[in-house]
Amino acid sequence: MSVNGNEKITAELVLLTVEWTSYQSSFYYMSNEMKNWTESRRYCTERGADLIIINNREEQ
């Protein structure tokens, strides 16, 4: 099965919608994998992201 450009973009947008959450101008990926802080941070940095703690109740 071949996928044209529009189908690929649509599929990518669906994945972003399912896996990512936005709040104001930030995007968050919520994982349900169990890792320690060091493993989690490595996972994030390998993907060009940061591991954070959200203390703001509204943002949580």
Protein backbone atom coordinates (compact mmCIF):
# COMPACT_ATOMS: atom_id res chain seq x y z
CA MET A 1 0.00 0.00 0.00
CA SER A 2 1.40 3.41 -0.91
CA VAL A 3 0.59 6.57 0.99
CA ASN A 4 0.49 9.94 -0.71
CA GLY A 5 1.72 13.15 0.95
CA ASN A 6 -1.69 14.27 2.21
CA GLU A 7 -2.45 10.89 3.79
CA LYS A 8 0.94 10.92 5.52
CA ILE A 9 0.38 14.41 6.94
CA THR A 10 -3.10 13.43 8.12
CA ALA A 11 -1.75 10.30 9.82
CA GLU A 12 0.97 12.35 11.54
CA LEU A 13 -1.59 14.89 12.78
CA VAL A 14 -3.75 12.10 14.20
CA LEU A 15 -0.75 10.69 16.05
CA LEU A 16 0.07 14.11 17.46
CA THR A 17 -3.52 14.59 18.56
CA VAL A 18 -3.65 11.23 20.30
CA GLU A 19 -0.25 11.29 22.01
CA TRP A 20 0.28 14.97 22.77
CA THR A 21 -1.56 17.45 24.98
CA SER A 22 -1.37 21.21 24.56
CA TYR A 23 -1.69 23.94 27.17
CA GLN A 24 -1.36 27.57 26.12
CA SER A 25 1.71 27.55 23.85
CA SER A 26 3.27 24.33 25.19
CA PHE A 27 2.90 20.71 24.12
CA TYR A 28 3.25 17.76 26.47
CA TYR A 29 3.67 14.06 25.85
CA MET A 30 2.26 11.97 28.68
CA SER A 31 3.80 8.53 28.80
CA ASN A 32 2.48 5.61 30.80
CA GLU A 33 5.85 3.81 30.71
CA MET A 34 7.46 3.26 34.08
CA LYS A 35 11.06 4.55 34.13
CA ASN A 36 13.22 6.21 36.74
CA TRP A 37 14.12 9.91 36.40
CA THR A 38 17.47 9.24 34.69
CA GLU A 39 15.99 6.85 32.11
CA SER A 40 13.07 9.21 31.48
CA ARG A 41 15.37 12.20 30.99
CA ARG A 42 17.56 10.24 28.57
CA TYR A 43 14.45 9.19 26.60
CA CYS A 44 13.37 12.83 26.32
CA THR A 45 16.75 14.31 25.43
CA GLU A 46 17.31 11.69 22.72
CA ARG A 47 14.16 13.08 21.10
CA GLY A 48 15.06 16.75 21.52
CA ALA A 49 12.67 17.26 24.43
CA ASP A 50 12.90 18.04 28.14
CA LEU A 51 11.63 16.14 31.15
CA ILE A 52 9.72 18.44 33.47
CA ILE A 53 7.72 18.50 36.66
CA ILE A 54 4.45 20.42 36.40
CA ASN A 55 3.64 22.08 39.72
CA ASN A 56 0.86 24.33 38.43
CA ARG A 57 -2.51 22.64 39.14
CA GLU A 58 -4.19 24.35 36.20
CA GLU A 59 -1.51 23.15 33.82
CA GLN A 60 -1.69 19.60 35.19
